[in-house]
Amino acid sequence: AIAAMGAEFGWPPMRSLQSIYLVEGRPT
């Protein structure tokens, strides 16, 4: 899910996992 959210920002999966946290299903 986080990798998919990061893809919307144009980020590769590993950057997404390092940058995005999920709080009740919403990205922070």
mmCIF file of all heavy atoms, coordinates in Angstrom:
data_MODEL
# 
_entry.id   MODEL 
# 
loop_
_atom_site.group_PDB 
_atom_site.id 
_atom_site.type_symbol 
_atom_site.label_atom_id 
_atom_site.label_alt_id 
_atom_site.label_comp_id 
_atom_site.label_asym_id 
_atom_site.label_entity_id 
_atom_site.label_seq_id 
_atom_site.pdbx_PDB_ins_code 
_atom_site.Cartn_x 
_atom_site.Cartn_y 
_atom_site.Cartn_z 
_atom_site.occupancy 
_atom_site.B_iso_or_equiv 
_atom_site.pdbx_formal_charge 
_atom_site.auth_seq_id 
_atom_site.auth_comp_id 
_atom_site.auth_asym_id 
_atom_site.auth_atom_id 
_atom_site.pdbx_PDB_model_num 
ATOM 1   N N   . ALA A 1 1  ? 0.829  -1.210 0.000  1.00 0.00 ? 1  ALA A N   1 
ATOM 2   C CA  . ALA A 1 1  ? 0.000  0.000  0.000  1.00 0.00 ? 1  ALA A CA  1 
ATOM 3   C C   . ALA A 1 1  ? 0.863  1.259  0.000  1.00 0.00 ? 1  ALA A C   1 
ATOM 4   O O   . ALA A 1 1  ? 0.591  2.214  -0.743 1.00 0.00 ? 1  ALA A O   1 
ATOM 5   C CB  . ALA A 1 1  ? -0.915 -0.007 1.220  1.00 0.00 ? 1  ALA A CB  1 
ATOM 6   N N   . ILE A 1 2  ? 1.915  1.283  0.811  1.00 0.00 ? 2  ILE A N   1 
ATOM 7   C CA  . ILE A 1 2  ? 2.787  2.455  0.869  1.00 0.00 ? 2  ILE A CA  1 
ATOM 8   C C   . ILE A 1 2  ? 3.521  2.646  -0.453 1.00 0.00 ? 2  ILE A C   1 
ATOM 9   O O   . ILE A 1 2  ? 3.659  3.773  -0.948 1.00 0.00 ? 2  ILE A O   1 
ATOM 10  C CB  . ILE A 1 2  ? 3.792  2.317  2.027  1.00 0.00 ? 2  ILE A CB  1 
ATOM 11  C CG1 . ILE A 1 2  ? 3.060  2.390  3.363  1.00 0.00 ? 2  ILE A CG1 1 
ATOM 12  C CG2 . ILE A 1 2  ? 4.860  3.401  1.952  1.00 0.00 ? 2  ILE A CG2 1 
ATOM 13  C CD1 . ILE A 1 2  ? 3.948  2.140  4.571  1.00 0.00 ? 2  ILE A CD1 1 
ATOM 14  N N   . ALA A 1 3  ? 3.993  1.562  -1.044 1.00 0.00 ? 3  ALA A N   1 
ATOM 15  C CA  . ALA A 1 3  ? 4.674  1.652  -2.338 1.00 0.00 ? 3  ALA A CA  1 
ATOM 16  C C   . ALA A 1 3  ? 3.739  2.201  -3.408 1.00 0.00 ? 3  ALA A C   1 
ATOM 17  O O   . ALA A 1 3  ? 4.146  2.997  -4.262 1.00 0.00 ? 3  ALA A O   1 
ATOM 18  C CB  . ALA A 1 3  ? 5.213  0.285  -2.748 1.00 0.00 ? 3  ALA A CB  1 
ATOM 19  N N   . ALA A 1 4  ? 2.469  1.786  -3.361 1.00 0.00 ? 4  ALA A N   1 
ATOM 20  C CA  . ALA A 1 4  ? 1.495  2.281  -4.327 1.00 0.00 ? 4  ALA A CA  1 
ATOM 21  C C   . ALA A 1 4  ? 1.224  3.767  -4.126 1.00 0.00 ? 4  ALA A C   1 
ATOM 22  O O   . ALA A 1 4  ? 1.090  4.535  -5.085 1.00 0.00 ? 4  ALA A O   1 
ATOM 23  C CB  . ALA A 1 4  ? 0.192  1.491  -4.213 1.00 0.00 ? 4  ALA A CB  1 
ATOM 24  N N   . MET A 1 5  ? 1.143  4.198  -2.859 1.00 0.00 ? 5  MET A N   1 
ATOM 25  C CA  . MET A 1 5  ? 0.960  5.619  -2.588 1.00 0.00 ? 5  MET A CA  1 
ATOM 26  C C   . MET A 1 5  ? 2.153  6.432  -3.083 1.00 0.00 ? 5  MET A C   1 
ATOM 27  O O   . MET A 1 5  ? 2.001  7.500  -3.675 1.00 0.00 ? 5  MET A O   1 
ATOM 28  C CB  . MET A 1 5  ? 0.776  5.841  -1.083 1.00 0.00 ? 5  MET A CB  1 
ATOM 29  C CG  . MET A 1 5  ? -0.550 5.354  -0.535 1.00 0.00 ? 5  MET A CG  1 
ATOM 30  S SD  . MET A 1 5  ? -0.684 5.650  1.247  1.00 0.00 ? 5  MET A SD  1 
ATOM 31  C CE  . MET A 1 5  ? -2.352 5.036  1.560  1.00 0.00 ? 5  MET A CE  1 
ATOM 32  N N   . GLY A 1 6  ? 3.349  5.933  -2.834 1.00 0.00 ? 6  GLY A N   1 
ATOM 33  C CA  . GLY A 1 6  ? 4.536  6.630  -3.293 1.00 0.00 ? 6  GLY A CA  1 
ATOM 34  C C   . GLY A 1 6  ? 4.616  6.730  -4.804 1.00 0.00 ? 6  GLY A C   1 
ATOM 35  O O   . GLY A 1 6  ? 5.129  7.710  -5.353 1.00 0.00 ? 6  GLY A O   1 
ATOM 36  N N   . ALA A 1 7  ? 4.097  5.696  -5.488 1.00 0.00 ? 7  ALA A N   1 
ATOM 37  C CA  . ALA A 1 7  ? 4.095  5.727  -6.948 1.00 0.00 ? 7  ALA A CA  1 
ATOM 38  C C   . ALA A 1 7  ? 3.274  6.904  -7.476 1.00 0.00 ? 7  ALA A C   1 
ATOM 39  O O   . ALA A 1 7  ? 3.572  7.451  -8.543 1.00 0.00 ? 7  ALA A O   1 
ATOM 40  C CB  . ALA A 1 7  ? 3.546  4.412  -7.495 1.00 0.00 ? 7  ALA A CB  1 
ATOM 41  N N   . GLU A 1 8  ? 2.234  7.303  -6.712 1.00 0.00 ? 8  GLU A N   1 
ATOM 42  C CA  . GLU A 1 8  ? 1.436  8.464  -7.108 1.00 0.00 ? 8  GLU A CA  1 
ATOM 43  C C   . GLU A 1 8  ? 2.266  9.744  -7.047 1.00 0.00 ? 8  GLU A C   1 
ATOM 44  O O   . GLU A 1 8  ? 1.977  10.713 -7.737 1.00 0.00 ? 8  GLU A O   1 
ATOM 45  C CB  . GLU A 1 8  ? 0.217  8.597  -6.184 1.00 0.00 ? 8  GLU A CB  1 
ATOM 46  C CG  . GLU A 1 8  ? -0.756 7.433  -6.260 1.00 0.00 ? 8  GLU A CG  1 
ATOM 47  C CD  . GLU A 1 8  ? -1.386 7.310  -7.636 1.00 0.00 ? 8  GLU A CD  1 
ATOM 48  O OE1 . GLU A 1 8  ? -1.717 8.359  -8.222 1.00 0.00 ? 8  GLU A OE1 1 
ATOM 49  O OE2 . GLU A 1 8  ? -1.537 6.171  -8.117 1.00 0.00 ? 8  GLU A OE2 1 
ATOM 50  N N   . PHE A 1 9  ? 3.290  9.756  -6.206 1.00 0.00 ? 9  PHE A N   1 
ATOM 51  C CA  . PHE A 1 9  ? 4.193  10.901 -6.117 1.00 0.00 ? 9  PHE A CA  1 
ATOM 52  C C   . PHE A 1 9  ? 5.357  10.792 -7.092 1.00 0.00 ? 9  PHE A C   1 
ATOM 53  O O   . PHE A 1 9  ? 6.193  11.689 -7.165 1.00 0.00 ? 9  PHE A O   1 
ATOM 54  C CB  . PHE A 1 9  ? 4.769  11.026 -4.700 1.00 0.00 ? 9  PHE A CB  1 
ATOM 55  C CG  . PHE A 1 9  ? 3.753  11.317 -3.636 1.00 0.00 ? 9  PHE A CG  1 
ATOM 56  C CD1 . PHE A 1 9  ? 3.912  10.811 -2.359 1.00 0.00 ? 9  PHE A CD1 1 
ATOM 57  C CD2 . PHE A 1 9  ? 2.648  12.100 -3.896 1.00 0.00 ? 9  PHE A CD2 1 
ATOM 58  C CE1 . PHE A 1 9  ? 2.990  11.088 -1.354 1.00 0.00 ? 9  PHE A CE1 1 
ATOM 59  C CE2 . PHE A 1 9  ? 1.708  12.376 -2.911 1.00 0.00 ? 9  PHE A CE2 1 
ATOM 60  C CZ  . PHE A 1 9  ? 1.876  11.873 -1.634 1.00 0.00 ? 9  PHE A CZ  1 
ATOM 61  N N   . GLY A 1 10 ? 5.431  9.665  -7.795 1.00 0.00 ? 10 GLY A N   1 
ATOM 62  C CA  . GLY A 1 10 ? 6.542  9.442  -8.707 1.00 0.00 ? 10 GLY A CA  1 
ATOM 63  C C   . GLY A 1 10 ? 7.785  8.894  -8.022 1.00 0.00 ? 10 GLY A C   1 
ATOM 64  O O   . GLY A 1 10 ? 8.889  8.982  -8.559 1.00 0.00 ? 10 GLY A O   1 
ATOM 65  N N   . TRP A 1 11 ? 7.600  8.303  -6.835 1.00 0.00 ? 11 TRP A N   1 
ATOM 66  C CA  . TRP A 1 11 ? 8.737  7.776  -6.073 1.00 0.00 ? 11 TRP A CA  1 
ATOM 67  C C   . TRP A 1 11 ? 8.906  6.284  -6.296 1.00 0.00 ? 11 TRP A C   1 
ATOM 68  O O   . TRP A 1 11 ? 7.914  5.550  -6.413 1.00 0.00 ? 11 TRP A O   1 
ATOM 69  C CB  . TRP A 1 11 ? 8.530  8.025  -4.584 1.00 0.00 ? 11 TRP A CB  1 
ATOM 70  C CG  . TRP A 1 11 ? 8.614  9.449  -4.176 1.00 0.00 ? 11 TRP A CG  1 
ATOM 71  C CD1 . TRP A 1 11 ? 9.058  10.498 -4.928 1.00 0.00 ? 11 TRP A CD1 1 
ATOM 72  C CD2 . TRP A 1 11 ? 8.243  9.995  -2.897 1.00 0.00 ? 11 TRP A CD2 1 
ATOM 73  N NE1 . TRP A 1 11 ? 8.992  11.662 -4.211 1.00 0.00 ? 11 TRP A NE1 1 
ATOM 74  C CE2 . TRP A 1 11 ? 8.495  11.394 -2.964 1.00 0.00 ? 11 TRP A CE2 1 
ATOM 75  C CE3 . TRP A 1 11 ? 7.739  9.449  -1.730 1.00 0.00 ? 11 TRP A CE3 1 
ATOM 76  C CZ2 . TRP A 1 11 ? 8.243  12.227 -1.884 1.00 0.00 ? 11 TRP A CZ2 1 
ATOM 77  C CZ3 . TRP A 1 11 ? 7.491  10.276 -0.654 1.00 0.00 ? 11 TRP A CZ3 1 
ATOM 78  C CH2 . TRP A 1 11 ? 7.749  11.656 -0.727 1.00 0.00 ? 11 TRP A CH2 1 
ATOM 79  N N   . PRO A 1 12 ? 10.139 5.791  -6.298 1.00 0.00 ? 12 PRO A N   1 
ATOM 80  C CA  . PRO A 1 12 ? 10.364 4.336  -6.323 1.00 0.00 ? 12 PRO A CA  1 
ATOM 81  C C   . PRO A 1 12 ? 9.957  3.728  -4.988 1.00 0.00 ? 12 PRO A C   1 
ATOM 82  O O   . PRO A 1 12 ? 9.855  4.439  -3.972 1.00 0.00 ? 12 PRO A O   1 
ATOM 83  C CB  . PRO A 1 12 ? 11.868 4.206  -6.583 1.00 0.00 ? 12 PRO A CB  1 
ATOM 84  C CG  . PRO A 1 12 ? 12.447 5.487  -6.070 1.00 0.00 ? 12 PRO A CG  1 
ATOM 85  C CD  . PRO A 1 12 ? 11.422 6.545  -6.334 1.00 0.00 ? 12 PRO A CD  1 
ATOM 86  N N   . PRO A 1 13 ? 9.741  2.418  -4.938 1.00 0.00 ? 13 PRO A N   1 
ATOM 87  C CA  . PRO A 1 13 ? 9.220  1.782  -3.718 1.00 0.00 ? 13 PRO A CA  1 
ATOM 88  C C   . PRO A 1 13 ? 10.049 2.028  -2.467 1.00 0.00 ? 13 PRO A C   1 
ATOM 89  O O   . PRO A 1 13 ? 9.503  2.340  -1.411 1.00 0.00 ? 13 PRO A O   1 
ATOM 90  C CB  . PRO A 1 13 ? 9.195  0.292  -4.088 1.00 0.00 ? 13 PRO A CB  1 
ATOM 91  C CG  . PRO A 1 13 ? 9.026  0.282  -5.565 1.00 0.00 ? 13 PRO A CG  1 
ATOM 92  C CD  . PRO A 1 13 ? 9.801  1.456  -6.065 1.00 0.00 ? 13 PRO A CD  1 
ATOM 93  N N   . MET A 1 14 ? 11.376 1.888  -2.541 1.00 0.00 ? 14 MET A N   1 
ATOM 94  C CA  . MET A 1 14 ? 12.182 2.011  -1.330 1.00 0.00 ? 14 MET A CA  1 
ATOM 95  C C   . MET A 1 14 ? 12.158 3.433  -0.776 1.00 0.00 ? 14 MET A C   1 
ATOM 96  O O   . MET A 1 14 ? 12.146 3.632  0.436  1.00 0.00 ? 14 MET A O   1 
ATOM 97  C CB  . MET A 1 14 ? 13.623 1.557  -1.601 1.00 0.00 ? 14 MET A CB  1 
ATOM 98  C CG  . MET A 1 14 ? 13.764 0.078  -1.893 1.00 0.00 ? 14 MET A CG  1 
ATOM 99  S SD  . MET A 1 14 ? 13.057 -0.990 -0.594 1.00 0.00 ? 14 MET A SD  1 
ATOM 100 C CE  . MET A 1 14 ? 14.163 -0.651 0.764  1.00 0.00 ? 14 MET A CE  1 
ATOM 101 N N   . ARG A 1 15 ? 12.134 4.415  -1.629 1.00 0.00 ? 15 ARG A N   1 
ATOM 102 C CA  . ARG A 1 15 ? 12.014 5.795  -1.133 1.00 0.00 ? 15 ARG A CA  1 
ATOM 103 C C   . ARG A 1 15 ? 10.661 6.000  -0.470 1.00 0.00 ? 15 ARG A C   1 
ATOM 104 O O   . ARG A 1 15 ? 10.557 6.664  0.558  1.00 0.00 ? 15 ARG A O   1 
ATOM 105 C CB  . ARG A 1 15 ? 12.188 6.791  -2.277 1.00 0.00 ? 15 ARG A CB  1 
ATOM 106 C CG  . ARG A 1 15 ? 12.040 8.240  -1.808 1.00 0.00 ? 15 ARG A CG  1 
ATOM 107 C CD  . ARG A 1 15 ? 12.246 9.233  -2.909 1.00 0.00 ? 15 ARG A CD  1 
ATOM 108 N NE  . ARG A 1 15 ? 12.029 10.589 -2.436 1.00 0.00 ? 15 ARG A NE  1 
ATOM 109 C CZ  . ARG A 1 15 ? 12.105 11.678 -3.205 1.00 0.00 ? 15 ARG A CZ  1 
ATOM 110 N NH1 . ARG A 1 15 ? 12.419 11.554 -4.489 1.00 0.00 ? 15 ARG A NH1 1 
ATOM 111 N NH2 . ARG A 1 15 ? 11.878 12.874 -2.700 1.00 0.00 ? 15 ARG A NH2 1 
ATOM 112 N N   . SER A 1 16 ? 9.637  5.429  -1.054 1.00 0.00 ? 16 SER A N   1 
ATOM 113 C CA  . SER A 1 16 ? 8.295  5.540  -0.472 1.00 0.00 ? 16 SER A CA  1 
ATOM 114 C C   . SER A 1 16 ? 8.259  4.954  0.930  1.00 0.00 ? 16 SER A C   1 
ATOM 115 O O   . SER A 1 16 ? 7.693  5.544  1.854  1.00 0.00 ? 16 SER A O   1 
ATOM 116 C CB  . SER A 1 16 ? 7.275  4.827  -1.359 1.00 0.00 ? 16 SER A CB  1 
ATOM 117 O OG  . SER A 1 16 ? 7.276  5.365  -2.668 1.00 0.00 ? 16 SER A OG  1 
ATOM 118 N N   . LEU A 1 17 ? 8.869  3.797  1.100  1.00 0.00 ? 17 LEU A N   1 
ATOM 119 C CA  . LEU A 1 17 ? 8.852  3.118  2.397  1.00 0.00 ? 17 LEU A CA  1 
ATOM 120 C C   . LEU A 1 17 ? 9.655  3.884  3.443  1.00 0.00 ? 17 LEU A C   1 
ATOM 121 O O   . LEU A 1 17 ? 9.365  3.791  4.635  1.00 0.00 ? 17 LEU A O   1 
ATOM 122 C CB  . LEU A 1 17 ? 9.392  1.698  2.248  1.00 0.00 ? 17 LEU A CB  1 
ATOM 123 C CG  . LEU A 1 17 ? 8.505  0.780  1.396  1.00 0.00 ? 17 LEU A CG  1 
ATOM 124 C CD1 . LEU A 1 17 ? 9.251  -0.499 1.051  1.00 0.00 ? 17 LEU A CD1 1 
ATOM 125 C CD2 . LEU A 1 17 ? 7.219  0.448  2.121  1.00 0.00 ? 17 LEU A CD2 1 
ATOM 126 N N   . GLN A 1 18 ? 10.661 4.631  3.007  1.00 0.00 ? 18 GLN A N   1 
ATOM 127 C CA  . GLN A 1 18 ? 11.449 5.430  3.932  1.00 0.00 ? 18 GLN A CA  1 
ATOM 128 C C   . GLN A 1 18 ? 10.772 6.758  4.272  1.00 0.00 ? 18 GLN A C   1 
ATOM 129 O O   . GLN A 1 18 ? 11.071 7.359  5.304  1.00 0.00 ? 18 GLN A O   1 
ATOM 130 C CB  . GLN A 1 18 ? 12.834 5.723  3.319  1.00 0.00 ? 18 GLN A CB  1 
ATOM 131 C CG  . GLN A 1 18 ? 13.720 4.514  3.125  1.00 0.00 ? 18 GLN A CG  1 
ATOM 132 C CD  . GLN A 1 18 ? 14.206 3.925  4.434  1.00 0.00 ? 18 GLN A CD  1 
ATOM 133 O OE1 . GLN A 1 18 ? 14.240 4.585  5.460  1.00 0.00 ? 18 GLN A OE1 1 
ATOM 134 N NE2 . GLN A 1 18 ? 14.590 2.653  4.411  1.00 0.00 ? 18 GLN A NE2 1 
ATOM 135 N N   . SER A 1 19 ? 9.852  7.217  3.432  1.00 0.00 ? 19 SER A N   1 
ATOM 136 C CA  . SER A 1 19 ? 9.313  8.568  3.565  1.00 0.00 ? 19 SER A CA  1 
ATOM 137 C C   . SER A 1 19 ? 7.867  8.628  4.032  1.00 0.00 ? 19 SER A C   1 
ATOM 138 O O   . SER A 1 19 ? 7.436  9.647  4.577  1.00 0.00 ? 19 SER A O   1 
ATOM 139 C CB  . SER A 1 19 ? 9.420  9.304  2.217  1.00 0.00 ? 19 SER A CB  1 
ATOM 140 O OG  . SER A 1 19 ? 10.747 9.349  1.759  1.00 0.00 ? 19 SER A OG  1 
ATOM 141 N N   . ILE A 1 20 ? 7.089  7.577  3.790  1.00 0.00 ? 20 ILE A N   1 
ATOM 142 C CA  . ILE A 1 20 ? 5.649  7.616  4.049  1.00 0.00 ? 20 ILE A CA  1 
ATOM 143 C C   . ILE A 1 20 ? 5.295  6.755  5.256  1.00 0.00 ? 20 ILE A C   1 
ATOM 144 O O   . ILE A 1 20 ? 5.726  5.604  5.360  1.00 0.00 ? 20 ILE A O   1 
ATOM 145 C CB  . ILE A 1 20 ? 4.856  7.126  2.818  1.00 0.00 ? 20 ILE A CB  1 
ATOM 146 C CG1 . ILE A 1 20 ? 5.136  8.026  1.609  1.00 0.00 ? 20 ILE A CG1 1 
ATOM 147 C CG2 . ILE A 1 20 ? 3.359  7.103  3.112  1.00 0.00 ? 20 ILE A CG2 1 
ATOM 148 C CD1 . ILE A 1 20 ? 4.479  7.538  0.325  1.00 0.00 ? 20 ILE A CD1 1 
ATOM 149 N N   . TYR A 1 21 ? 4.508  7.334  6.143  1.00 0.00 ? 21 TYR A N   1 
ATOM 150 C CA  . TYR A 1 21 ? 3.915  6.596  7.261  1.00 0.00 ? 21 TYR A CA  1 
ATOM 151 C C   . TYR A 1 21 ? 2.402  6.590  7.061  1.00 0.00 ? 21 TYR A C   1 
ATOM 152 O O   . TYR A 1 21 ? 1.837  7.562  6.540  1.00 0.00 ? 21 TYR A O   1 
ATOM 153 C CB  . TYR A 1 21 ? 4.221  7.264  8.604  1.00 0.00 ? 21 TYR A CB  1 
ATOM 154 C CG  . TYR A 1 21 ? 5.632  7.091  9.091  1.00 0.00 ? 21 TYR A CG  1 
ATOM 155 C CD1 . TYR A 1 21 ? 6.688  7.772  8.503  1.00 0.00 ? 21 TYR A CD1 1 
ATOM 156 C CD2 . TYR A 1 21 ? 5.911  6.240  10.161 1.00 0.00 ? 21 TYR A CD2 1 
ATOM 157 C CE1 . TYR A 1 21 ? 7.989  7.622  8.960  1.00 0.00 ? 21 TYR A CE1 1 
ATOM 158 C CE2 . TYR A 1 21 ? 7.210  6.093  10.628 1.00 0.00 ? 21 TYR A CE2 1 
ATOM 159 C CZ  . TYR A 1 21 ? 8.248  6.782  10.015 1.00 0.00 ? 21 TYR A CZ  1 
ATOM 160 O OH  . TYR A 1 21 ? 9.529  6.633  10.469 1.00 0.00 ? 21 TYR A OH  1 
ATOM 161 N N   . LEU A 1 22 ? 1.756  5.522  7.475  1.00 0.00 ? 22 LEU A N   1 
ATOM 162 C CA  . LEU A 1 22 ? 0.306  5.445  7.394  1.00 0.00 ? 22 LEU A CA  1 
ATOM 163 C C   . LEU A 1 22 ? -0.293 5.674  8.779  1.00 0.00 ? 22 LEU A C   1 
ATOM 164 O O   . LEU A 1 22 ? 0.099  5.025  9.748  1.00 0.00 ? 22 LEU A O   1 
ATOM 165 C CB  . LEU A 1 22 ? -0.144 4.077  6.869  1.00 0.00 ? 22 LEU A CB  1 
ATOM 166 C CG  . LEU A 1 22 ? 0.161  3.774  5.400  1.00 0.00 ? 22 LEU A CG  1 
ATOM 167 C CD1 . LEU A 1 22 ? -0.358 2.385  5.044  1.00 0.00 ? 22 LEU A CD1 1 
ATOM 168 C CD2 . LEU A 1 22 ? -0.448 4.813  4.481  1.00 0.00 ? 22 LEU A CD2 1 
ATOM 169 N N   . VAL A 1 23 ? -1.248 6.601  8.847  1.00 0.00 ? 23 VAL A N   1 
ATOM 170 C CA  . VAL A 1 23 ? -1.994 6.854  10.076 1.00 0.00 ? 23 VAL A CA  1 
ATOM 171 C C   . VAL A 1 23 ? -3.468 6.720  9.743  1.00 0.00 ? 23 VAL A C   1 
ATOM 172 O O   . VAL A 1 23 ? -4.026 7.561  9.027  1.00 0.00 ? 23 VAL A O   1 
ATOM 173 C CB  . VAL A 1 23 ? -1.700 8.248  10.653 1.00 0.00 ? 23 VAL A CB  1 
ATOM 174 C CG1 . VAL A 1 23 ? -2.532 8.495  11.914 1.00 0.00 ? 23 VAL A CG1 1 
ATOM 175 C CG2 . VAL A 1 23 ? -0.219 8.401  10.956 1.00 0.00 ? 23 VAL A CG2 1 
ATOM 176 N N   . GLU A 1 24 ? -4.080 5.643  10.189 1.00 0.00 ? 24 GLU A N   1 
ATOM 177 C CA  . GLU A 1 24 ? -5.483 5.345  9.884  1.00 0.00 ? 24 GLU A CA  1 
ATOM 178 C C   . GLU A 1 24 ? -5.736 5.364  8.375  1.00 0.00 ? 24 GLU A C   1 
ATOM 179 O O   . GLU A 1 24 ? -6.725 5.903  7.896  1.00 0.00 ? 24 GLU A O   1 
ATOM 180 C CB  . GLU A 1 24 ? -6.397 6.338  10.599 1.00 0.00 ? 24 GLU A CB  1 
ATOM 181 C CG  . GLU A 1 24 ? -6.321 6.236  12.117 1.00 0.00 ? 24 GLU A CG  1 
ATOM 182 C CD  . GLU A 1 24 ? -7.277 7.191  12.809 1.00 0.00 ? 24 GLU A CD  1 
ATOM 183 O OE1 . GLU A 1 24 ? -7.943 7.979  12.109 1.00 0.00 ? 24 GLU A OE1 1 
ATOM 184 O OE2 . GLU A 1 24 ? -7.350 7.149  14.043 1.00 0.00 ? 24 GLU A OE2 1 
ATOM 185 N N   . GLY A 1 25 ? -4.785 4.804  7.638  1.00 0.00 ? 25 GLY A N   1 
ATOM 186 C CA  . GLY A 1 25 ? -4.946 4.681  6.198  1.00 0.00 ? 25 GLY A CA  1 
ATOM 187 C C   . GLY A 1 25 ? -4.598 5.922  5.402  1.00 0.00 ? 25 GLY A C   1 
ATOM 188 O O   . GLY A 1 25 ? -4.712 5.920  4.175  1.00 0.00 ? 25 GLY A O   1 
ATOM 189 N N   . ARG A 1 26 ? -4.141 6.972  6.068  1.00 0.00 ? 26 ARG A N   1 
ATOM 190 C CA  . ARG A 1 26 ? -3.809 8.208  5.367  1.00 0.00 ? 26 ARG A CA  1 
ATOM 191 C C   . ARG A 1 26 ? -2.302 8.428  5.401  1.00 0.00 ? 26 ARG A C   1 
ATOM 192 O O   . ARG A 1 26 ? -1.650 8.173  6.404  1.00 0.00 ? 26 ARG A O   1 
ATOM 193 C CB  . ARG A 1 26 ? -4.532 9.398  6.012  1.00 0.00 ? 26 ARG A CB  1 
ATOM 194 C CG  . ARG A 1 26 ? -6.038 9.218  6.023  1.00 0.00 ? 26 ARG A CG  1 
ATOM 195 C CD  . ARG A 1 26 ? -6.732 10.430 6.606  1.00 0.00 ? 26 ARG A CD  1 
ATOM 196 N NE  . ARG A 1 26 ? -6.592 11.601 5.764  1.00 0.00 ? 26 ARG A NE  1 
ATOM 197 C CZ  . ARG A 1 26 ? -7.181 12.772 6.021  1.00 0.00 ? 26 ARG A CZ  1 
ATOM 198 N NH1 . ARG A 1 26 ? -7.913 12.906 7.114  1.00 0.00 ? 26 ARG A NH1 1 
ATOM 199 N NH2 . ARG A 1 26 ? -7.029 13.789 5.216  1.00 0.00 ? 26 ARG A NH2 1 
ATOM 200 N N   . PRO A 1 27 ? -1.729 8.936  4.290  1.00 0.00 ? 27 PRO A N   1 
ATOM 201 C CA  . PRO A 1 27 ? -0.276 9.101  4.233  1.00 0.00 ? 27 PRO A CA  1 
ATOM 202 C C   . PRO A 1 27 ? 0.203  10.321 5.005  1.00 0.00 ? 27 PRO A C   1 
ATOM 203 O O   . PRO A 1 27 ? -0.404 11.385 4.955  1.00 0.00 ? 27 PRO A O   1 
ATOM 204 C CB  . PRO A 1 27 ? -0.014 9.267  2.735  1.00 0.00 ? 27 PRO A CB  1 
ATOM 205 C CG  . PRO A 1 27 ? -1.275 9.872  2.192  1.00 0.00 ? 27 PRO A CG  1 
ATOM 206 C CD  . PRO A 1 27 ? -2.395 9.276  3.010  1.00 0.00 ? 27 PRO A CD  1 
ATOM 207 N N   . THR A 1 28 ? 1.283  10.162 5.741  1.00 0.00 ? 28 THR A N   1 
ATOM 208 C CA  . THR A 1 28 ? 1.957  11.286 6.373  1.00 0.00 ? 28 THR A CA  1 
ATOM 209 C C   . THR A 1 28 ? 3.421  11.246 5.958  1.00 0.00 ? 28 THR A C   1 
ATOM 210 O O   . THR A 1 28 ? 3.996  10.170 5.758  1.00 0.00 ? 28 THR A O   1 
ATOM 211 C CB  . THR A 1 28 ? 1.853  11.250 7.905  1.00 0.00 ? 28 THR A CB  1 
ATOM 212 O OG1 . THR A 1 28 ? 2.584  10.125 8.411  1.00 0.00 ? 28 THR A OG1 1 
ATOM 213 C CG2 . THR A 1 28 ? 0.398  11.151 8.355  1.00 0.00 ? 28 THR A CG2 1 
# 
